[in-house]
Amino acid sequence: MKPAGIENENLTDIMETMRNLVGKVVRISVKESKPKTHWEEKEGVVEGVYPTVFLFRFKNRRNVDERVAYSYVDIAIDDVKILEN
């Protein structure tokens, strides 16, 4: 089942949404790489936004800080969802 999230219509809106979330704790849902039918939910902090990607920091299953870069296109094509808190 696809999680409900913040809907954005274009990359400019997505970038602006992410810019407003820098430094804030957010929840995201990410499609697992194989198979892309399972969603994994993560809670963390948006660390920064850049022209094509944003950085997301979270604690992994071993309670170790991990950083991941997601592209704005990932959100546009629904591979990443920003969930409302």
PDB file of N, CA and C in Angstrom:
ATOM      1  N   MET A   1       0.849  -1.192   0.000  1.00  0.00           N
ATOM      2  CA  MET A   1       0.000   0.000   0.000  1.00  0.00           C
ATOM      3  C   MET A   1       0.884   1.242   0.000  1.00  0.00           C
ATOM      4  N   LYS A   2       0.577   2.162  -0.864  1.00  0.00           N
ATOM      5  CA  LYS A   2       1.336   3.401  -0.991  1.00  0.00           C
ATOM      6  C   LYS A   2       0.985   4.347   0.151  1.00  0.00           C
ATOM      7  N   PRO A   3       1.999   4.877   0.858  1.00  0.00           N
ATOM      8  CA  PRO A   3       1.701   5.799   1.960  1.00  0.00           C
ATOM      9  C   PRO A   3       1.252   7.159   1.440  1.00  0.00           C
ATOM     10  N   ALA A   4       0.415   7.799   2.211  1.00  0.00           N
ATOM     11  CA  ALA A   4      -0.009   9.160   1.875  1.00  0.00           C
ATOM     12  C   ALA A   4       1.075  10.124   2.333  1.00  0.00           C
ATOM     13  N   GLY A   5       1.327  11.141   1.547  1.00  0.00           N
ATOM     14  CA  GLY A   5       2.363  12.104   1.910  1.00  0.00           C
ATOM     15  C   GLY A   5       2.043  13.480   1.382  1.00  0.00           C
ATOM     16  N   ILE A   6       2.998  14.358   1.490  1.00  0.00           N
ATOM     17  CA  ILE A   6       2.853  15.708   0.971  1.00  0.00           C
ATOM     18  C   ILE A   6       2.946  15.633  -0.548  1.00  0.00           C
ATOM     19  N   GLU A   7       1.952  16.136  -1.224  1.00  0.00           N
ATOM     20  CA  GLU A   7       1.927  16.082  -2.686  1.00  0.00           C
ATOM     21  C   GLU A   7       2.515  17.368  -3.259  1.00  0.00           C
ATOM     22  N   ASN A   8       3.382  17.220  -4.236  1.00  0.00           N
ATOM     23  CA  ASN A   8       3.971  18.354  -4.930  1.00  0.00           C
ATOM     24  C   ASN A   8       3.793  18.149  -6.419  1.00  0.00           C
ATOM     25  N   GLU A   9       3.569  19.239  -7.132  1.00  0.00           N
ATOM     26  CA  GLU A   9       3.282  19.116  -8.546  1.00  0.00           C
ATOM     27  C   GLU A   9       4.509  19.229  -9.435  1.00  0.00           C
ATOM     28  N   ASN A  10       5.527  19.956  -9.005  1.00  0.00           N
ATOM     29  CA  ASN A  10       6.701  20.101  -9.864  1.00  0.00           C
ATOM     30  C   ASN A  10       7.971  20.189  -9.017  1.00  0.00           C
ATOM     31  N   LEU A  11       9.115  20.115  -9.690  1.00  0.00           N
ATOM     32  CA  LEU A  11      10.387  20.094  -8.985  1.00  0.00           C
ATOM     33  C   LEU A  11      10.650  21.369  -8.193  1.00  0.00           C
ATOM     34  N   THR A  12      10.197  22.498  -8.695  1.00  0.00           N
ATOM     35  CA  THR A  12      10.386  23.758  -7.973  1.00  0.00           C
ATOM     36  C   THR A  12       9.644  23.734  -6.641  1.00  0.00           C
ATOM     37  N   ASP A  13       8.413  23.226  -6.652  1.00  0.00           N
ATOM     38  CA  ASP A  13       7.642  23.106  -5.407  1.00  0.00           C
ATOM     39  C   ASP A  13       8.296  22.128  -4.443  1.00  0.00           C
ATOM     40  N   ILE A  14       8.802  21.019  -4.975  1.00  0.00           N
ATOM     41  CA  ILE A  14       9.463  20.023  -4.141  1.00  0.00           C
ATOM     42  C   ILE A  14      10.709  20.620  -3.484  1.00  0.00           C
ATOM     43  N   MET A  15      11.506  21.328  -4.260  1.00  0.00           N
ATOM     44  CA  MET A  15      12.721  21.960  -3.713  1.00  0.00           C
ATOM     45  C   MET A  15      12.364  22.961  -2.622  1.00  0.00           C
ATOM     46  N   GLU A  16      11.324  23.737  -2.832  1.00  0.00           N
ATOM     47  CA  GLU A  16      10.906  24.728  -1.840  1.00  0.00           C
ATOM     48  C   GLU A  16      10.414  24.049  -0.571  1.00  0.00           C
ATOM     49  N   THR A  17       9.651  22.979  -0.713  1.00  0.00           N
ATOM     50  CA  THR A  17       9.188  22.218   0.445  1.00  0.00           C
ATOM     51  C   THR A  17      10.381  21.702   1.246  1.00  0.00           C
ATOM     52  N   MET A  18      11.353  21.138   0.561  1.00  0.00           N
ATOM     53  CA  MET A  18      12.525  20.584   1.253  1.00  0.00           C
ATOM     54  C   MET A  18      13.354  21.696   1.895  1.00  0.00           C
ATOM     55  N   ARG A  19      13.472  22.830   1.244  1.00  0.00           N
ATOM     56  CA  ARG A  19      14.207  23.969   1.807  1.00  0.00           C
ATOM     57  C   ARG A  19      13.573  24.400   3.130  1.00  0.00           C
ATOM     58  N   ASN A  20      12.243  24.374   3.193  1.00  0.00           N
ATOM     59  CA  ASN A  20      11.535  24.757   4.415  1.00  0.00           C
ATOM     60  C   ASN A  20      11.668  23.721   5.530  1.00  0.00           C
ATOM     61  N   LEU A  21      12.080  22.500   5.182  1.00  0.00           N
ATOM     62  CA  LEU A  21      12.215  21.432   6.176  1.00  0.00           C
ATOM     63  C   LEU A  21      13.639  21.250   6.705  1.00  0.00           C
ATOM     64  N   VAL A  22      14.592  22.027   6.199  1.00  0.00           N
ATOM     65  CA  VAL A  22      15.988  21.887   6.650  1.00  0.00           C
ATOM     66  C   VAL A  22      16.066  22.116   8.157  1.00  0.00           C
ATOM     67  N   GLY A  23      16.724  21.169   8.840  1.00  0.00           N
ATOM     68  CA  GLY A  23      16.903  21.259  10.279  1.00  0.00           C
ATOM     69  C   GLY A  23      15.734  20.707  11.080  1.00  0.00           C
ATOM     70  N   LYS A  24      14.689  20.286  10.411  1.00  0.00           N
ATOM     71  CA  LYS A  24      13.505  19.777  11.104  1.00  0.00           C
ATOM     72  C   LYS A  24      13.459  18.252  11.045  1.00  0.00           C
ATOM     73  N   VAL A  25      12.850  17.677  12.063  1.00  0.00           N
ATOM     74  CA  VAL A  25      12.635  16.229  12.090  1.00  0.00           C
ATOM     75  C   VAL A  25      11.419  15.911  11.236  1.00  0.00           C
ATOM     76  N   VAL A  26      11.604  15.003  10.288  1.00  0.00           N
ATOM     77  CA  VAL A  26      10.516  14.594   9.402  1.00  0.00           C
ATOM     78  C   VAL A  26      10.510  13.076   9.267  1.00  0.00           C
ATOM     79  N   ARG A  27       9.394  12.557   8.813  1.00  0.00           N
ATOM     80  CA  ARG A  27       9.302  11.145   8.478  1.00  0.00           C
ATOM     81  C   ARG A  27       9.224  11.020   6.965  1.00  0.00           C
ATOM     82  N   ILE A  28       9.953  10.036   6.432  1.00  0.00           N
ATOM     83  CA  ILE A  28       9.861   9.766   5.010  1.00  0.00           C
ATOM     84  C   ILE A  28       9.547   8.292   4.819  1.00  0.00           C
ATOM     85  N   SER A  29       9.001   7.987   3.688  1.00  0.00           N
ATOM     86  CA  SER A  29       8.750   6.606   3.311  1.00  0.00           C
ATOM     87  C   SER A  29       9.454   6.391   1.979  1.00  0.00           C
ATOM     88  N   VAL A  30      10.267   5.335   1.914  1.00  0.00           N
ATOM     89  CA  VAL A  30      11.107   5.080   0.750  1.00  0.00           C
ATOM     90  C   VAL A  30      10.796   3.691   0.210  1.00  0.00           C
ATOM     91  N   LYS A  31      10.659   3.588  -1.109  1.00  0.00           N
ATOM     92  CA  LYS A  31      10.467   2.273  -1.711  1.00  0.00           C
ATOM     93  C   LYS A  31      11.753   1.479  -1.579  1.00  0.00           C
ATOM     94  N   GLU A  32      11.629   0.241  -1.130  1.00  0.00           N
ATOM     95  CA  GLU A  32      12.776  -0.665  -1.067  1.00  0.00           C
ATOM     96  C   GLU A  32      13.285  -0.898  -2.482  1.00  0.00           C
ATOM     97  N   SER A  33      14.584  -1.117  -2.619  1.00  0.00           N
ATOM     98  CA  SER A  33      15.161  -1.266  -3.950  1.00  0.00           C
ATOM     99  C   SER A  33      14.674  -2.511  -4.683  1.00  0.00           C
ATOM    100  N   LYS A  34      14.561  -3.634  -3.984  1.00  0.00           N
ATOM    101  CA  LYS A  34      14.095  -4.859  -4.643  1.00  0.00           C
ATOM    102  C   LYS A  34      13.263  -5.663  -3.684  1.00  0.00           C
ATOM    103  N   PRO A  35      12.049  -5.987  -3.966  1.00  0.00           N
ATOM    104  CA  PRO A  35      11.233  -5.424  -5.040  1.00  0.00           C
ATOM    105  C   PRO A  35      10.703  -4.054  -4.630  1.00  0.00           C
ATOM    106  N   LYS A  36      10.356  -3.233  -5.580  1.00  0.00           N
ATOM    107  CA  LYS A  36       9.895  -1.873  -5.276  1.00  0.00           C
ATOM    108  C   LYS A  36       8.406  -1.847  -4.949  1.00  0.00           C
ATOM    109  N   THR A  37       7.988  -2.772  -4.121  1.00  0.00           N
ATOM    110  CA  THR A  37       6.596  -2.810  -3.696  1.00  0.00           C
ATOM    111  C   THR A  37       6.476  -2.602  -2.195  1.00  0.00           C
ATOM    112  N   HIS A  38       7.598  -2.644  -1.499  1.00  0.00           N
ATOM    113  CA  HIS A  38       7.618  -2.499  -0.045  1.00  0.00           C
ATOM    114  C   HIS A  38       8.127  -1.101   0.312  1.00  0.00           C
ATOM    115  N   TRP A  39       7.455  -0.462   1.267  1.00  0.00           N
ATOM    116  CA  TRP A  39       7.851   0.874   1.717  1.00  0.00           C
ATOM    117  C   TRP A  39       8.517   0.782   3.077  1.00  0.00           C
ATOM    118  N   GLU A  40       9.633   1.472   3.240  1.00  0.00           N
ATOM    119  CA  GLU A  40      10.310   1.544   4.534  1.00  0.00           C
ATOM    120  C   GLU A  40      10.202   2.965   5.061  1.00  0.00           C
ATOM    121  N   GLU A  41       9.717   3.101   6.288  1.00  0.00           N
ATOM    122  CA  GLU A  41       9.547   4.417   6.891  1.00  0.00           C
ATOM    123  C   GLU A  41      10.755   4.753   7.754  1.00  0.00           C
ATOM    124  N   LYS A  42      11.230   6.004   7.649  1.00  0.00           N
ATOM    125  CA  LYS A  42      12.380   6.471   8.421  1.00  0.00           C
ATOM    126  C   LYS A  42      12.049   7.835   9.015  1.00  0.00           C
ATOM    127  N   GLU A  43      12.582   8.090  10.211  1.00  0.00           N
ATOM    128  CA  GLU A  43      12.445   9.411  10.825  1.00  0.00           C
ATOM    129  C   GLU A  43      13.838   9.980  10.991  1.00  0.00           C
ATOM    130  N   GLY A  44      14.001  11.227  10.594  1.00  0.00           N
ATOM    131  CA  GLY A  44      15.314  11.856  10.686  1.00  0.00           C
ATOM    132  C   GLY A  44      15.224  13.342  10.430  1.00  0.00           C
ATOM    133  N   VAL A  45      16.366  13.921  10.085  1.00  0.00           N
ATOM    134  CA  VAL A  45      16.481  15.371   9.893  1.00  0.00           C
ATOM    135  C   VAL A  45      16.939  15.656   8.468  1.00  0.00           C
ATOM    136  N   VAL A  46      16.293  16.627   7.842  1.00  0.00           N
ATOM    137  CA  VAL A  46      16.753  17.109   6.545  1.00  0.00           C
ATOM    138  C   VAL A  46      17.959  18.006   6.835  1.00  0.00           C
ATOM    139  N   GLU A  47      19.134  17.578   6.391  1.00  0.00           N
ATOM    140  CA  GLU A  47      20.364  18.316   6.715  1.00  0.00           C
ATOM    141  C   GLU A  47      20.689  19.433   5.748  1.00  0.00           C
ATOM    142  N   GLY A  48      20.331  19.278   4.513  1.00  0.00           N
ATOM    143  CA  GLY A  48      20.668  20.315   3.548  1.00  0.00           C
ATOM    144  C   GLY A  48      19.999  20.068   2.217  1.00  0.00           C
ATOM    145  N   VAL A  49      19.865  21.121   1.445  1.00  0.00           N
ATOM    146  CA  VAL A  49      19.317  21.021   0.097  1.00  0.00           C
ATOM    147  C   VAL A  49      20.341  21.569  -0.892  1.00  0.00           C
ATOM    148  N   TYR A  50      20.410  20.927  -2.026  1.00  0.00           N
ATOM    149  CA  TYR A  50      21.359  21.270  -3.076  1.00  0.00           C
ATOM    150  C   TYR A  50      20.592  21.288  -4.399  1.00  0.00           C
ATOM    151  N   PRO A  51      21.223  21.730  -5.474  1.00  0.00           N
ATOM    152  CA  PRO A  51      20.477  21.884  -6.731  1.00  0.00           C
ATOM    153  C   PRO A  51      19.730  20.632  -7.207  1.00  0.00           C
ATOM    154  N   THR A  52      20.261  19.436  -6.971  1.00  0.00           N
ATOM    155  CA  THR A  52      19.583  18.240  -7.477  1.00  0.00           C
ATOM    156  C   THR A  52      19.212  17.228  -6.400  1.00  0.00           C
ATOM    157  N   VAL A  53      19.733  17.389  -5.179  1.00  0.00           N
ATOM    158  CA  VAL A  53      19.470  16.417  -4.112  1.00  0.00           C
ATOM    159  C   VAL A  53      19.278  17.122  -2.772  1.00  0.00           C
ATOM    160  N   PHE A  54      18.714  16.368  -1.810  1.00  0.00           N
ATOM    161  CA  PHE A  54      18.693  16.820  -0.427  1.00  0.00           C
ATOM    162  C   PHE A  54      19.284  15.717   0.438  1.00  0.00           C
ATOM    163  N   LEU A  55      19.897  16.108   1.561  1.00  0.00           N
ATOM    164  CA  LEU A  55      20.506  15.152   2.478  1.00  0.00           C
ATOM    165  C   LEU A  55      19.572  14.875   3.638  1.00  0.00           C
ATOM    166  N   PHE A  56      19.460  13.601   3.982  1.00  0.00           N
ATOM    167  CA  PHE A  56      18.586  13.150   5.056  1.00  0.00           C
ATOM    168  C   PHE A  56      19.421  12.307   6.021  1.00  0.00           C
ATOM    169  N   ARG A  57      19.416  12.670   7.319  1.00  0.00           N
ATOM    170  CA  ARG A  57      20.162  11.931   8.349  1.00  0.00           C
ATOM    171  C   ARG A  57      19.181  11.226   9.264  1.00  0.00           C
ATOM    172  N   PHE A  58      19.451   9.947   9.528  1.00  0.00           N
ATOM    173  CA  PHE A  58      18.570   9.154  10.395  1.00  0.00           C
ATOM    174  C   PHE A  58      19.400   8.098  11.115  1.00  0.00           C
ATOM    175  N   LYS A  59      18.816   7.494  12.133  1.00  0.00           N
ATOM    176  CA  LYS A  59      19.446   6.379  12.852  1.00  0.00           C
ATOM    177  C   LYS A  59      19.018   5.082  12.170  1.00  0.00           C
ATOM    178  N   ASN A  60      20.003   4.252  11.803  1.00  0.00           N
ATOM    179  CA  ASN A  60      19.648   2.989  11.177  1.00  0.00           C
ATOM    180  C   ASN A  60      19.274   1.950  12.234  1.00  0.00           C
ATOM    181  N   ARG A  61      19.063   0.725  11.814  1.00  0.00           N
ATOM    182  CA  ARG A  61      18.616  -0.324  12.742  1.00  0.00           C
ATOM    183  C   ARG A  61      19.613  -0.615  13.852  1.00  0.00           C
ATOM    184  N   ARG A  62      20.870  -0.296  13.627  1.00  0.00           N
ATOM    185  CA  ARG A  62      21.909  -0.493  14.646  1.00  0.00           C
ATOM    186  C   ARG A  62      22.121   0.757  15.486  1.00  0.00           C
ATOM    187  N   ASN A  63      21.209   1.727  15.339  1.00  0.00           N
ATOM    188  CA  ASN A  63      21.264   2.992  16.077  1.00  0.00           C
ATOM    189  C   ASN A  63      22.513   3.814  15.748  1.00  0.00           C
ATOM    190  N   VAL A  64      22.953   3.726  14.496  1.00  0.00           N
ATOM    191  CA  VAL A  64      24.103   4.477  14.012  1.00  0.00           C
ATOM    192  C   VAL A  64      23.601   5.532  13.030  1.00  0.00           C
ATOM    193  N   ASP A  65      24.138   6.757  13.151  1.00  0.00           N
ATOM    194  CA  ASP A  65      23.748   7.812  12.212  1.00  0.00           C
ATOM    195  C   ASP A  65      24.104   7.415  10.786  1.00  0.00           C
ATOM    196  N   GLU A  66      23.167   7.638   9.892  1.00  0.00           N
ATOM    197  CA  GLU A  66      23.388   7.358   8.481  1.00  0.00           C
ATOM    198  C   GLU A  66      22.883   8.546   7.685  1.00  0.00           C
ATOM    199  N   ARG A  67      23.591   8.899   6.623  1.00  0.00           N
ATOM    200  CA  ARG A  67      23.170   9.995   5.739  1.00  0.00           C
ATOM    201  C   ARG A  67      22.881   9.425   4.360  1.00  0.00           C
ATOM    202  N   VAL A  68      21.800   9.910   3.781  1.00  0.00           N
ATOM    203  CA  VAL A  68      21.416   9.468   2.451  1.00  0.00           C
ATOM    204  C   VAL A  68      21.037  10.706   1.649  1.00  0.00           C
ATOM    205  N   ALA A  69      21.407  10.701   0.373  1.00  0.00           N
ATOM    206  CA  ALA A  69      20.994  11.773  -0.534  1.00  0.00           C
ATOM    207  C   ALA A  69      19.874  11.242  -1.410  1.00  0.00           C
ATOM    208  N   TYR A  70      18.784  11.992  -1.467  1.00  0.00           N
ATOM    209  CA  TYR A  70      17.667  11.659  -2.349  1.00  0.00           C
ATOM    210  C   TYR A  70      17.501  12.801  -3.344  1.00  0.00           C
ATOM    211  N   SER A  71      17.136  12.463  -4.556  1.00  0.00           N
ATOM    212  CA  SER A  71      16.902  13.513  -5.550  1.00  0.00           C
ATOM    213  C   SER A  71      15.455  13.980  -5.458  1.00  0.00           C
ATOM    214  N   TYR A  72      15.220  15.173  -5.938  1.00  0.00           N
ATOM    215  CA  TYR A  72      13.866  15.708  -5.968  1.00  0.00           C
ATOM    216  C   TYR A  72      13.001  14.892  -6.934  1.00  0.00           C
ATOM    217  N   VAL A  73      13.649  14.313  -7.935  1.00  0.00           N
ATOM    218  CA  VAL A  73      12.931  13.464  -8.886  1.00  0.00           C
ATOM    219  C   VAL A  73      12.389  12.226  -8.178  1.00  0.00           C
ATOM    220  N   ASP A  74      13.120  11.705  -7.170  1.00  0.00           N
ATOM    221  CA  ASP A  74      12.620  10.566  -6.392  1.00  0.00           C
ATOM    222  C   ASP A  74      11.251  10.879  -5.785  1.00  0.00           C
ATOM    223  N   ILE A  75      11.079  12.110  -5.326  1.00  0.00           N
ATOM    224  CA  ILE A  75       9.792  12.519  -4.767  1.00  0.00           C
ATOM    225  C   ILE A  75       8.761  12.671  -5.884  1.00  0.00           C
ATOM    226  N   ALA A  76       9.170  13.271  -6.992  1.00  0.00           N
ATOM    227  CA  ALA A  76       8.246  13.513  -8.104  1.00  0.00           C
ATOM    228  C   ALA A  76       7.696  12.201  -8.680  1.00  0.00           C
ATOM    229  N   ILE A  77       8.513  11.143  -8.695  1.00  0.00           N
ATOM    230  CA  ILE A  77       8.056   9.864  -9.263  1.00  0.00           C
ATOM    231  C   ILE A  77       7.555   8.904  -8.180  1.00  0.00           C
ATOM    232  N   ASP A  78       7.398   9.411  -6.965  1.00  0.00           N
ATOM    233  CA  ASP A  78       6.825   8.650  -5.844  1.00  0.00           C
ATOM    234  C   ASP A  78       7.689   7.498  -5.345  1.00  0.00           C
ATOM    235  N   ASP A  79       9.008   7.581  -5.504  1.00  0.00           N
ATOM    236  CA  ASP A  79       9.892   6.597  -4.875  1.00  0.00           C
ATOM    237  C   ASP A  79      10.201   7.001  -3.438  1.00  0.00           C
ATOM    238  N   VAL A  80      10.019   8.290  -3.125  1.00  0.00           N
ATOM    239  CA  VAL A  80      10.204   8.823  -1.778  1.00  0.00           C
ATOM    240  C   VAL A  80       8.982   9.684  -1.462  1.00  0.00           C
ATOM    241  N   LYS A  81       8.432   9.501  -0.277  1.00  0.00           N
ATOM    242  CA  LYS A  81       7.292  10.317   0.180  1.00  0.00           C
ATOM    243  C   LYS A  81       7.691  11.042   1.446  1.00  0.00           C
ATOM    244  N   ILE A  82       7.389  12.323   1.532  1.00  0.00           N
ATOM    245  CA  ILE A  82       7.571  13.094   2.760  1.00  0.00           C
ATOM    246  C   ILE A  82       6.242  13.008   3.506  1.00  0.00           C
ATOM    247  N   LEU A  83       6.259  12.404   4.684  1.00  0.00           N
ATOM    248  CA  LEU A  83       5.025  12.171   5.425  1.00  0.00           C
ATOM    249  C   LEU A  83       4.740  13.323   6.388  1.00  0.00           C
ATOM    250  N   GLU A  84       3.504  13.617   6.567  1.00  0.00           N
ATOM    251  CA  GLU A  84       3.109  14.676   7.482  1.00  0.00           C
ATOM    252  C   GLU A  84       3.227  14.163   8.910  1.00  0.00           C
ATOM    253  N   ASN A  85       3.780  15.002   9.799  1.00  0.00           N
ATOM    254  CA  ASN A  85       3.916  14.616  11.211  1.00  0.00           C
ATOM    255  C   ASN A  85       2.638  14.867  11.967  1.00  0.00           C
TER     256      ASN A  85
END
